[in-house]
Amino acid sequence: MNISYKKINSIGNVSFMIMAVYTLISSFVVTLMMSWNVSLYNILIIYTATNFLVLMALLAYILIAVSKLKLDEISVDDKPNYKKRLAKFRKSAIISGIGFFLCNQNIIII
């Protein structure tokens, strides 16, 4: 396995562990809030905002880790469709990020 794949795998493993621990803790806190008769609307707002902040912090960690390890530097040939493929990749990455966030919120959009 290439060394860069090992580094990327390590970043992904750390991110997964952070999200797993966060999910357990947030579920416990939501359960406690429900047992304290906190309004469901307030729980929803707090849970959604907290999930968004944690997701942004995790994305910042990933971006910093990838940048620090210089994994974002690529060498490409001047292919004519490179910019088009890059724009398509950026669009799909943004859509995937939004979809991941919505799925994390247990919101189903059909």
PDB file of N, CA and C in Angstrom:
ATOM      1  N   MET A   1       0.848  -1.180   0.000  1.00  0.00           N
ATOM      2  CA  MET A   1       0.000   0.000   0.000  1.00  0.00           C
ATOM      3  C   MET A   1       0.890   1.238   0.000  1.00  0.00           C
ATOM      4  N   ASN A   2       0.525   2.199  -0.811  1.00  0.00           N
ATOM      5  CA  ASN A   2       1.282   3.431  -0.925  1.00  0.00           C
ATOM      6  C   ASN A   2       1.214   4.216   0.389  1.00  0.00           C
ATOM      7  N   ILE A   3       2.272   4.970   0.690  1.00  0.00           N
ATOM      8  CA  ILE A   3       2.336   5.714   1.949  1.00  0.00           C
ATOM      9  C   ILE A   3       1.224   6.758   2.047  1.00  0.00           C
ATOM     10  N   SER A   4       0.864   7.403   0.931  1.00  0.00           N
ATOM     11  CA  SER A   4      -0.195   8.412   0.980  1.00  0.00           C
ATOM     12  C   SER A   4      -1.551   7.766   1.274  1.00  0.00           C
ATOM     13  N   TYR A   5      -1.768   6.540   0.774  1.00  0.00           N
ATOM     14  CA  TYR A   5      -3.015   5.852   1.098  1.00  0.00           C
ATOM     15  C   TYR A   5      -3.089   5.541   2.583  1.00  0.00           C
ATOM     16  N   LYS A   6      -1.971   5.198   3.195  1.00  0.00           N
ATOM     17  CA  LYS A   6      -1.944   4.932   4.631  1.00  0.00           C
ATOM     18  C   LYS A   6      -2.276   6.190   5.424  1.00  0.00           C
ATOM     19  N   LYS A   7      -1.746   7.324   4.978  1.00  0.00           N
ATOM     20  CA  LYS A   7      -2.025   8.583   5.669  1.00  0.00           C
ATOM     21  C   LYS A   7      -3.498   8.961   5.529  1.00  0.00           C
ATOM     22  N   ILE A   8      -4.024   8.819   4.338  1.00  0.00           N
ATOM     23  CA  ILE A   8      -5.436   9.135   4.109  1.00  0.00           C
ATOM     24  C   ILE A   8      -6.316   8.191   4.919  1.00  0.00           C
ATOM     25  N   ASN A   9      -5.960   6.919   4.953  1.00  0.00           N
ATOM     26  CA  ASN A   9      -6.706   5.937   5.733  1.00  0.00           C
ATOM     27  C   ASN A   9      -6.675   6.299   7.212  1.00  0.00           C
ATOM     28  N   SER A  10      -5.539   6.758   7.699  1.00  0.00           N
ATOM     29  CA  SER A  10      -5.412   7.148   9.096  1.00  0.00           C
ATOM     30  C   SER A  10      -6.313   8.340   9.423  1.00  0.00           C
ATOM     31  N   ILE A  11      -6.332   9.337   8.534  1.00  0.00           N
ATOM     32  CA  ILE A  11      -7.205  10.499   8.738  1.00  0.00           C
ATOM     33  C   ILE A  11      -8.669  10.060   8.758  1.00  0.00           C
ATOM     34  N   GLY A  12      -9.037   9.168   7.859  1.00  0.00           N
ATOM     35  CA  GLY A  12     -10.411   8.662   7.825  1.00  0.00           C
ATOM     36  C   GLY A  12     -10.762   7.872   9.073  1.00  0.00           C
ATOM     37  N   ASN A  13      -9.825   7.077   9.571  1.00  0.00           N
ATOM     38  CA  ASN A  13     -10.087   6.294  10.788  1.00  0.00           C
ATOM     39  C   ASN A  13     -10.285   7.200  11.994  1.00  0.00           C
ATOM     40  N   VAL A  14      -9.448   8.230  12.122  1.00  0.00           N
ATOM     41  CA  VAL A  14      -9.592   9.167  13.238  1.00  0.00           C
ATOM     42  C   VAL A  14     -10.934   9.893  13.135  1.00  0.00           C
ATOM     43  N   SER A  15     -11.295  10.311  11.931  1.00  0.00           N
ATOM     44  CA  SER A  15     -12.573  11.003  11.731  1.00  0.00           C
ATOM     45  C   SER A  15     -13.745  10.104  12.103  1.00  0.00           C
ATOM     46  N   PHE A  16     -13.671   8.842  11.711  1.00  0.00           N
ATOM     47  CA  PHE A  16     -14.741   7.900  12.044  1.00  0.00           C
ATOM     48  C   PHE A  16     -14.848   7.713  13.557  1.00  0.00           C
ATOM     49  N   MET A  17     -13.718   7.590  14.235  1.00  0.00           N
ATOM     50  CA  MET A  17     -13.760   7.408  15.690  1.00  0.00           C
ATOM     51  C   MET A  17     -14.340   8.629  16.384  1.00  0.00           C
ATOM     52  N   ILE A  18     -13.979   9.822  15.892  1.00  0.00           N
ATOM     53  CA  ILE A  18     -14.540  11.051  16.471  1.00  0.00           C
ATOM     54  C   ILE A  18     -16.056  11.067  16.295  1.00  0.00           C
ATOM     55  N   MET A  19     -16.534  10.735  15.099  1.00  0.00           N
ATOM     56  CA  MET A  19     -17.978  10.736  14.854  1.00  0.00           C
ATOM     57  C   MET A  19     -18.697   9.654  15.660  1.00  0.00           C
ATOM     58  N   ALA A  20     -18.063   8.491  15.837  1.00  0.00           N
ATOM     59  CA  ALA A  20     -18.693   7.423  16.614  1.00  0.00           C
ATOM     60  C   ALA A  20     -18.861   7.848  18.065  1.00  0.00           C
ATOM     61  N   VAL A  21     -17.815   8.428  18.642  1.00  0.00           N
ATOM     62  CA  VAL A  21     -17.898   8.884  20.034  1.00  0.00           C
ATOM     63  C   VAL A  21     -18.911  10.022  20.151  1.00  0.00           C
ATOM     64  N   TYR A  22     -18.877  10.953  19.204  1.00  0.00           N
ATOM     65  CA  TYR A  22     -19.831  12.065  19.235  1.00  0.00           C
ATOM     66  C   TYR A  22     -21.272  11.563  19.146  1.00  0.00           C
ATOM     67  N   THR A  23     -21.521  10.587  18.292  1.00  0.00           N
ATOM     68  CA  THR A  23     -22.871  10.046  18.149  1.00  0.00           C
ATOM     69  C   THR A  23     -23.357   9.429  19.450  1.00  0.00           C
ATOM     70  N   LEU A  24     -22.499   8.684  20.110  1.00  0.00           N
ATOM     71  CA  LEU A  24     -22.887   8.085  21.397  1.00  0.00           C
ATOM     72  C   LEU A  24     -23.190   9.157  22.437  1.00  0.00           C
ATOM     73  N   ILE A  25     -22.313  10.139  22.536  1.00  0.00           N
ATOM     74  CA  ILE A  25     -22.500  11.198  23.538  1.00  0.00           C
ATOM     75  C   ILE A  25     -23.740  12.028  23.221  1.00  0.00           C
ATOM     76  N   SER A  26     -23.931  12.406  21.960  1.00  0.00           N
ATOM     77  CA  SER A  26     -25.085  13.239  21.618  1.00  0.00           C
ATOM     78  C   SER A  26     -26.398  12.490  21.821  1.00  0.00           C
ATOM     79  N   SER A  27     -26.416  11.203  21.536  1.00  0.00           N
ATOM     80  CA  SER A  27     -27.630  10.418  21.782  1.00  0.00           C
ATOM     81  C   SER A  27     -27.948  10.367  23.262  1.00  0.00           C
ATOM     82  N   PHE A  28     -26.927  10.220  24.073  1.00  0.00           N
ATOM     83  CA  PHE A  28     -27.132  10.197  25.531  1.00  0.00           C
ATOM     84  C   PHE A  28     -27.654  11.550  26.019  1.00  0.00           C
ATOM     85  N   VAL A  29     -27.079  12.635  25.507  1.00  0.00           N
ATOM     86  CA  VAL A  29     -27.520  13.968  25.929  1.00  0.00           C
ATOM     87  C   VAL A  29     -28.957  14.235  25.484  1.00  0.00           C
ATOM     88  N   VAL A  30     -29.308  13.831  24.278  1.00  0.00           N
ATOM     89  CA  VAL A  30     -30.687  14.021  23.808  1.00  0.00           C
ATOM     90  C   VAL A  30     -31.645  13.214  24.671  1.00  0.00           C
ATOM     91  N   THR A  31     -31.260  12.001  25.034  1.00  0.00           N
ATOM     92  CA  THR A  31     -32.101  11.182  25.920  1.00  0.00           C
ATOM     93  C   THR A  31     -32.280  11.861  27.271  1.00  0.00           C
ATOM     94  N   LEU A  32     -31.207  12.418  27.815  1.00  0.00           N
ATOM     95  CA  LEU A  32     -31.315  13.137  29.085  1.00  0.00           C
ATOM     96  C   LEU A  32     -32.223  14.348  28.959  1.00  0.00           C
ATOM     97  N   MET A  33     -32.070  15.088  27.862  1.00  0.00           N
ATOM     98  CA  MET A  33     -32.906  16.275  27.660  1.00  0.00           C
ATOM     99  C   MET A  33     -34.379  15.892  27.553  1.00  0.00           C
ATOM    100  N   MET A  34     -34.656  14.771  26.910  1.00  0.00           N
ATOM    101  CA  MET A  34     -36.045  14.328  26.797  1.00  0.00           C
ATOM    102  C   MET A  34     -36.591  13.914  28.161  1.00  0.00           C
ATOM    103  N   SER A  35     -35.754  13.321  28.996  1.00  0.00           N
ATOM    104  CA  SER A  35     -36.216  12.915  30.315  1.00  0.00           C
ATOM    105  C   SER A  35     -36.421  14.118  31.235  1.00  0.00           C
ATOM    106  N   TRP A  36     -35.784  15.243  30.918  1.00  0.00           N
ATOM    107  CA  TRP A  36     -35.969  16.460  31.703  1.00  0.00           C
ATOM    108  C   TRP A  36     -37.128  17.301  31.177  1.00  0.00           C
ATOM    109  N   ASN A  37     -37.910  16.745  30.270  1.00  0.00           N
ATOM    110  CA  ASN A  37     -39.082  17.405  29.687  1.00  0.00           C
ATOM    111  C   ASN A  37     -38.738  18.715  28.976  1.00  0.00           C
ATOM    112  N   VAL A  38     -37.623  18.723  28.279  1.00  0.00           N
ATOM    113  CA  VAL A  38     -37.264  19.872  27.443  1.00  0.00           C
ATOM    114  C   VAL A  38     -38.119  19.790  26.181  1.00  0.00           C
ATOM    115  N   SER A  39     -38.515  20.944  25.689  1.00  0.00           N
ATOM    116  CA  SER A  39     -39.345  21.009  24.490  1.00  0.00           C
ATOM    117  C   SER A  39     -38.671  20.288  23.325  1.00  0.00           C
ATOM    118  N   LEU A  40     -39.459  19.507  22.580  1.00  0.00           N
ATOM    119  CA  LEU A  40     -38.910  18.782  21.434  1.00  0.00           C
ATOM    120  C   LEU A  40     -38.357  19.732  20.376  1.00  0.00           C
ATOM    121  N   TYR A  41     -38.989  20.872  20.230  1.00  0.00           N
ATOM    122  CA  TYR A  41     -38.497  21.872  19.283  1.00  0.00           C
ATOM    123  C   TYR A  41     -37.106  22.360  19.686  1.00  0.00           C
ATOM    124  N   ASN A  42     -36.925  22.634  20.977  1.00  0.00           N
ATOM    125  CA  ASN A  42     -35.619  23.085  21.458  1.00  0.00           C
ATOM    126  C   ASN A  42     -34.568  21.992  21.287  1.00  0.00           C
ATOM    127  N   ILE A  43     -34.943  20.750  21.544  1.00  0.00           N
ATOM    128  CA  ILE A  43     -34.008  19.637  21.361  1.00  0.00           C
ATOM    129  C   ILE A  43     -33.598  19.541  19.898  1.00  0.00           C
ATOM    130  N   LEU A  44     -34.560  19.677  18.993  1.00  0.00           N
ATOM    131  CA  LEU A  44     -34.266  19.609  17.561  1.00  0.00           C
ATOM    132  C   LEU A  44     -33.311  20.711  17.144  1.00  0.00           C
ATOM    133  N   ILE A  45     -33.558  21.927  17.588  1.00  0.00           N
ATOM    134  CA  ILE A  45     -32.701  23.059  17.228  1.00  0.00           C
ATOM    135  C   ILE A  45     -31.291  22.853  17.781  1.00  0.00           C
ATOM    136  N   ILE A  46     -31.189  22.466  19.046  1.00  0.00           N
ATOM    137  CA  ILE A  46     -29.873  22.258  19.673  1.00  0.00           C
ATOM    138  C   ILE A  46     -29.124  21.123  18.986  1.00  0.00           C
ATOM    139  N   TYR A  47     -29.822  20.027  18.720  1.00  0.00           N
ATOM    140  CA  TYR A  47     -29.189  18.856  18.110  1.00  0.00           C
ATOM    141  C   TYR A  47     -28.707  19.157  16.690  1.00  0.00           C
ATOM    142  N   THR A  48     -29.537  19.859  15.927  1.00  0.00           N
ATOM    143  CA  THR A  48     -29.153  20.208  14.554  1.00  0.00           C
ATOM    144  C   THR A  48     -27.966  21.169  14.551  1.00  0.00           C
ATOM    145  N   ALA A  49     -27.997  22.182  15.395  1.00  0.00           N
ATOM    146  CA  ALA A  49     -26.898  23.145  15.451  1.00  0.00           C
ATOM    147  C   ALA A  49     -25.602  22.475  15.906  1.00  0.00           C
ATOM    148  N   THR A  50     -25.708  21.614  16.902  1.00  0.00           N
ATOM    149  CA  THR A  50     -24.522  20.919  17.402  1.00  0.00           C
ATOM    150  C   THR A  50     -23.951  19.987  16.339  1.00  0.00           C
ATOM    151  N   ASN A  51     -24.817  19.263  15.645  1.00  0.00           N
ATOM    152  CA  ASN A  51     -24.346  18.392  14.572  1.00  0.00           C
ATOM    153  C   ASN A  51     -23.639  19.187  13.491  1.00  0.00           C
ATOM    154  N   PHE A  52     -24.176  20.336  13.151  1.00  0.00           N
ATOM    155  CA  PHE A  52     -23.553  21.174  12.125  1.00  0.00           C
ATOM    156  C   PHE A  52     -22.180  21.648  12.574  1.00  0.00           C
ATOM    157  N   LEU A  53     -22.074  22.103  13.822  1.00  0.00           N
ATOM    158  CA  LEU A  53     -20.786  22.586  14.329  1.00  0.00           C
ATOM    159  C   LEU A  53     -19.751  21.471  14.400  1.00  0.00           C
ATOM    160  N   VAL A  54     -20.166  20.298  14.849  1.00  0.00           N
ATOM    161  CA  VAL A  54     -19.230  19.170  14.923  1.00  0.00           C
ATOM    162  C   VAL A  54     -18.788  18.756  13.530  1.00  0.00           C
ATOM    163  N   LEU A  55     -19.711  18.738  12.586  1.00  0.00           N
ATOM    164  CA  LEU A  55     -19.360  18.377  11.215  1.00  0.00           C
ATOM    165  C   LEU A  55     -18.385  19.386  10.613  1.00  0.00           C
ATOM    166  N   MET A  56     -18.604  20.672  10.859  1.00  0.00           N
ATOM    167  CA  MET A  56     -17.684  21.692  10.353  1.00  0.00           C
ATOM    168  C   MET A  56     -16.305  21.559  11.002  1.00  0.00           C
ATOM    169  N   ALA A  57     -16.275  21.264  12.306  1.00  0.00           N
ATOM    170  CA  ALA A  57     -14.993  21.065  12.990  1.00  0.00           C
ATOM    171  C   ALA A  57     -14.267  19.848  12.422  1.00  0.00           C
ATOM    172  N   LEU A  58     -15.006  18.786  12.149  1.00  0.00           N
ATOM    173  CA  LEU A  58     -14.400  17.585  11.588  1.00  0.00           C
ATOM    174  C   LEU A  58     -13.875  17.840  10.176  1.00  0.00           C
ATOM    175  N   LEU A  59     -14.622  18.573   9.391  1.00  0.00           N
ATOM    176  CA  LEU A  59     -14.159  18.930   8.046  1.00  0.00           C
ATOM    177  C   LEU A  59     -12.909  19.811   8.118  1.00  0.00           C
ATOM    178  N   ALA A  60     -12.866  20.717   9.087  1.00  0.00           N
ATOM    179  CA  ALA A  60     -11.678  21.548   9.265  1.00  0.00           C
ATOM    180  C   ALA A  60     -10.480  20.680   9.634  1.00  0.00           C
ATOM    181  N   TYR A  61     -10.694  19.699  10.514  1.00  0.00           N
ATOM    182  CA  TYR A  61      -9.609  18.781  10.878  1.00  0.00           C
ATOM    183  C   TYR A  61      -9.095  18.036   9.645  1.00  0.00           C
ATOM    184  N   ILE A  62     -10.005  17.543   8.839  1.00  0.00           N
ATOM    185  CA  ILE A  62      -9.605  16.796   7.643  1.00  0.00           C
ATOM    186  C   ILE A  62      -8.829  17.698   6.686  1.00  0.00           C
ATOM    187  N   LEU A  63      -9.330  18.912   6.455  1.00  0.00           N
ATOM    188  CA  LEU A  63      -8.641  19.828   5.550  1.00  0.00           C
ATOM    189  C   LEU A  63      -7.250  20.186   6.056  1.00  0.00           C
ATOM    190  N   ILE A  64      -7.129  20.443   7.362  1.00  0.00           N
ATOM    191  CA  ILE A  64      -5.830  20.790   7.936  1.00  0.00           C
ATOM    192  C   ILE A  64      -4.883  19.605   7.869  1.00  0.00           C
ATOM    193  N   ALA A  65      -5.373  18.404   8.199  1.00  0.00           N
ATOM    194  CA  ALA A  65      -4.518  17.217   8.170  1.00  0.00           C
ATOM    195  C   ALA A  65      -4.041  16.911   6.753  1.00  0.00           C
ATOM    196  N   VAL A  66      -4.919  17.020   5.788  1.00  0.00           N
ATOM    197  CA  VAL A  66      -4.547  16.753   4.395  1.00  0.00           C
ATOM    198  C   VAL A  66      -3.555  17.810   3.910  1.00  0.00           C
ATOM    199  N   SER A  67      -3.790  19.060   4.271  1.00  0.00           N
ATOM    200  CA  SER A  67      -2.891  20.131   3.851  1.00  0.00           C
ATOM    201  C   SER A  67      -1.521  20.002   4.519  1.00  0.00           C
ATOM    202  N   LYS A  68      -1.526  19.659   5.819  1.00  0.00           N
ATOM    203  CA  LYS A  68      -0.269  19.528   6.549  1.00  0.00           C
ATOM    204  C   LYS A  68       0.593  18.398   5.984  1.00  0.00           C
ATOM    205  N   LEU A  69      -0.037  17.313   5.572  1.00  0.00           N
ATOM    206  CA  LEU A  69       0.696  16.187   5.004  1.00  0.00           C
ATOM    207  C   LEU A  69       0.984  16.376   3.512  1.00  0.00           C
ATOM    208  N   LYS A  70       0.547  17.516   2.978  1.00  0.00           N
ATOM    209  CA  LYS A  70       0.750  17.857   1.567  1.00  0.00           C
ATOM    210  C   LYS A  70       0.147  16.799   0.631  1.00  0.00           C
ATOM    211  N   LEU A  71      -1.012  16.274   1.041  1.00  0.00           N
ATOM    212  CA  LEU A  71      -1.702  15.293   0.203  1.00  0.00           C
ATOM    213  C   LEU A  71      -2.597  15.963  -0.830  1.00  0.00           C
ATOM    214  N   ASP A  72      -2.763  17.286  -0.699  1.00  0.00           N
ATOM    215  CA  ASP A  72      -3.617  18.003  -1.640  1.00  0.00           C
ATOM    216  C   ASP A  72      -2.844  18.513  -2.851  1.00  0.00           C
ATOM    217  N   GLU A  73      -1.546  18.309  -2.854  1.00  0.00           N
ATOM    218  CA  GLU A  73      -0.743  18.736  -3.993  1.00  0.00           C
ATOM    219  C   GLU A  73      -0.710  17.610  -5.020  1.00  0.00           C
ATOM    220  N   ILE A  74      -1.160  17.924  -6.207  1.00  0.00           N
ATOM    221  CA  ILE A  74      -1.191  16.914  -7.257  1.00  0.00           C
ATOM    222  C   ILE A  74      -0.435  17.429  -8.465  1.00  0.00           C
ATOM    223  N   SER A  75       0.084  16.523  -9.219  1.00  0.00           N
ATOM    224  CA  SER A  75       0.709  16.911 -10.480  1.00  0.00           C
ATOM    225  C   SER A  75      -0.134  16.313 -11.598  1.00  0.00           C
ATOM    226  N   VAL A  76      -0.514  17.151 -12.514  1.00  0.00           N
ATOM    227  CA  VAL A  76      -1.357  16.704 -13.615  1.00  0.00           C
ATOM    228  C   VAL A  76      -0.759  17.170 -14.927  1.00  0.00           C
ATOM    229  N   ASP A  77      -1.058  16.423 -15.920  1.00  0.00           N
ATOM    230  CA  ASP A  77      -0.689  16.841 -17.262  1.00  0.00           C
ATOM    231  C   ASP A  77      -1.735  17.836 -17.748  1.00  0.00           C
ATOM    232  N   ASP A  78      -1.376  18.638 -18.688  1.00  0.00           N
ATOM    233  CA  ASP A  78      -2.319  19.601 -19.232  1.00  0.00           C
ATOM    234  C   ASP A  78      -3.277  18.896 -20.182  1.00  0.00           C
ATOM    235  N   LYS A  79      -4.208  18.208 -19.599  1.00  0.00           N
ATOM    236  CA  LYS A  79      -5.215  17.541 -20.412  1.00  0.00           C
ATOM    237  C   LYS A  79      -6.331  18.534 -20.705  1.00  0.00           C
ATOM    238  N   PRO A  80      -6.931  18.456 -21.851  1.00  0.00           N
ATOM    239  CA  PRO A  80      -7.941  19.455 -22.213  1.00  0.00           C
ATOM    240  C   PRO A  80      -9.198  19.404 -21.345  1.00  0.00           C
ATOM    241  N   ASN A  81      -9.538  18.263 -20.800  1.00  0.00           N
ATOM    242  CA  ASN A  81     -10.782  18.183 -20.024  1.00  0.00           C
ATOM    243  C   ASN A  81     -10.529  18.182 -18.518  1.00  0.00           C
ATOM    244  N   TYR A  82      -9.333  18.554 -18.086  1.00  0.00           N
ATOM    245  CA  TYR A  82      -9.031  18.537 -16.656  1.00  0.00           C
ATOM    246  C   TYR A  82      -9.900  19.520 -15.889  1.00  0.00           C
ATOM    247  N   LYS A  83     -10.025  20.746 -16.371  1.00  0.00           N
ATOM    248  CA  LYS A  83     -10.822  21.755 -15.656  1.00  0.00           C
ATOM    249  C   LYS A  83     -12.288  21.361 -15.606  1.00  0.00           C
ATOM    250  N   LYS A  84     -12.781  20.749 -16.674  1.00  0.00           N
ATOM    251  CA  LYS A  84     -14.178  20.306 -16.696  1.00  0.00           C
ATOM    252  C   LYS A  84     -14.389  19.180 -15.692  1.00  0.00           C
ATOM    253  N   ARG A  85     -13.455  18.244 -15.642  1.00  0.00           N
ATOM    254  CA  ARG A  85     -13.556  17.139 -14.686  1.00  0.00           C
ATOM    255  C   ARG A  85     -13.427  17.644 -13.260  1.00  0.00           C
ATOM    256  N   LEU A  86     -12.561  18.646 -13.020  1.00  0.00           N
ATOM    257  CA  LEU A  86     -12.402  19.214 -11.690  1.00  0.00           C
ATOM    258  C   LEU A  86     -13.675  19.918 -11.239  1.00  0.00           C
ATOM    259  N   ALA A  87     -14.315  20.664 -12.138  1.00  0.00           N
ATOM    260  CA  ALA A  87     -15.570  21.340 -11.813  1.00  0.00           C
ATOM    261  C   ALA A  87     -16.658  20.316 -11.501  1.00  0.00           C
ATOM    262  N   LYS A  88     -16.714  19.243 -12.263  1.00  0.00           N
ATOM    263  CA  LYS A  88     -17.694  18.180 -12.015  1.00  0.00           C
ATOM    264  C   LYS A  88     -17.445  17.518 -10.659  1.00  0.00           C
ATOM    265  N   PHE A  89     -16.179  17.290 -10.324  1.00  0.00           N
ATOM    266  CA  PHE A  89     -15.835  16.694  -9.036  1.00  0.00           C
ATOM    267  C   PHE A  89     -16.220  17.617  -7.886  1.00  0.00           C
ATOM    268  N   ARG A  90     -15.950  18.910  -8.021  1.00  0.00           N
ATOM    269  CA  ARG A  90     -16.318  19.865  -6.964  1.00  0.00           C
ATOM    270  C   ARG A  90     -17.832  19.878  -6.751  1.00  0.00           C
ATOM    271  N   LYS A  91     -18.578  19.855  -7.842  1.00  0.00           N
ATOM    272  CA  LYS A  91     -20.043  19.862  -7.739  1.00  0.00           C
ATOM    273  C   LYS A  91     -20.531  18.606  -7.027  1.00  0.00           C
ATOM    274  N   SER A  92     -19.984  17.447  -7.405  1.00  0.00           N
ATOM    275  CA  SER A  92     -20.422  16.208  -6.752  1.00  0.00           C
ATOM    276  C   SER A  92     -19.977  16.163  -5.296  1.00  0.00           C
ATOM    277  N   ALA A  93     -18.831  16.759  -4.964  1.00  0.00           N
ATOM    278  CA  ALA A  93     -18.371  16.797  -3.572  1.00  0.00           C
ATOM    279  C   ALA A  93     -19.289  17.660  -2.723  1.00  0.00           C
ATOM    280  N   ILE A  94     -19.723  18.785  -3.253  1.00  0.00           N
ATOM    281  CA  ILE A  94     -20.637  19.664  -2.514  1.00  0.00           C
ATOM    282  C   ILE A  94     -21.979  18.970  -2.308  1.00  0.00           C
ATOM    283  N   ILE A  95     -22.505  18.349  -3.348  1.00  0.00           N
ATOM    284  CA  ILE A  95     -23.785  17.640  -3.234  1.00  0.00           C
ATOM    285  C   ILE A  95     -23.668  16.486  -2.243  1.00  0.00           C
ATOM    286  N   SER A  96     -22.554  15.767  -2.278  1.00  0.00           N
ATOM    287  CA  SER A  96     -22.351  14.661  -1.339  1.00  0.00           C
ATOM    288  C   SER A  96     -22.266  15.165   0.091  1.00  0.00           C
ATOM    289  N   GLY A  97     -21.599  16.286   0.300  1.00  0.00           N
ATOM    290  CA  GLY A  97     -21.495  16.860   1.642  1.00  0.00           C
ATOM    291  C   GLY A  97     -22.850  17.266   2.186  1.00  0.00           C
ATOM    292  N   ILE A  98     -23.655  17.900   1.346  1.00  0.00           N
ATOM    293  CA  ILE A  98     -25.004  18.292   1.774  1.00  0.00           C
ATOM    294  C   ILE A  98     -25.847  17.054   2.047  1.00  0.00           C
ATOM    295  N   GLY A  99     -25.741  16.050   1.192  1.00  0.00           N
ATOM    296  CA  GLY A  99     -26.487  14.803   1.411  1.00  0.00           C
ATOM    297  C   GLY A  99     -26.071  14.107   2.685  1.00  0.00           C
ATOM    298  N   PHE A 100     -24.768  14.090   2.969  1.00  0.00           N
ATOM    299  CA  PHE A 100     -24.285  13.483   4.214  1.00  0.00           C
ATOM    300  C   PHE A 100     -24.842  14.218   5.418  1.00  0.00           C
ATOM    301  N   PHE A 101     -24.839  15.557   5.368  1.00  0.00           N
ATOM    302  CA  PHE A 101     -25.365  16.341   6.484  1.00  0.00           C
ATOM    303  C   PHE A 101     -26.839  16.061   6.697  1.00  0.00           C
ATOM    304  N   LEU A 102     -27.616  16.014   5.616  1.00  0.00           N
ATOM    305  CA  LEU A 102     -29.056  15.766   5.747  1.00  0.00           C
ATOM    306  C   LEU A 102     -29.319  14.349   6.257  1.00  0.00           C
ATOM    307  N   CYS A 103     -28.568  13.375   5.794  1.00  0.00           N
ATOM    308  CA  CYS A 103     -28.740  12.003   6.282  1.00  0.00           C
ATOM    309  C   CYS A 103     -28.348  11.907   7.751  1.00  0.00           C
ATOM    310  N   ASN A 104     -27.372  12.680   8.156  1.00  0.00           N
ATOM    311  CA  ASN A 104     -26.944  12.682   9.551  1.00  0.00           C
ATOM    312  C   ASN A 104     -28.038  13.276  10.433  1.00  0.00           C
ATOM    313  N   GLN A 105     -28.904  14.091   9.866  1.00  0.00           N
ATOM    314  CA  GLN A 105     -29.989  14.712  10.607  1.00  0.00           C
ATOM    315  C   GLN A 105     -31.247  13.859  10.596  1.00  0.00           C
ATOM    316  N   ASN A 106     -31.187  12.675   9.992  1.00  0.00           N
ATOM    317  CA  ASN A 106     -32.332  11.784   9.888  1.00  0.00           C
ATOM    318  C   ASN A 106     -33.463  12.421   9.092  1.00  0.00           C
ATOM    319  N   ILE A 107     -33.115  13.194   8.098  1.00  0.00           N
ATOM    320  CA  ILE A 107     -34.103  13.828   7.222  1.00  0.00           C
ATOM    321  C   ILE A 107     -34.074  13.059   5.903  1.00  0.00           C
ATOM    322  N   ILE A 108     -35.220  12.621   5.460  1.00  0.00           N
ATOM    323  CA  ILE A 108     -35.297  11.880   4.221  1.00  0.00           C
ATOM    324  C   ILE A 108     -35.907  12.790   3.164  1.00  0.00           C
ATOM    325  N   ILE A 109     -35.169  12.984   2.083  1.00  0.00           N
ATOM    326  CA  ILE A 109     -35.663  13.810   0.978  1.00  0.00           C
ATOM    327  C   ILE A 109     -35.775  12.905  -0.243  1.00  0.00           C
ATOM    328  N   ILE A 110     -36.940  12.875  -0.797  1.00  0.00           N
ATOM    329  CA  ILE A 110     -37.157  12.022  -1.976  1.00  0.00           C
ATOM    330  C   ILE A 110     -37.585  12.906  -3.126  1.00  0.00           C
TER     331      ILE A 110
END
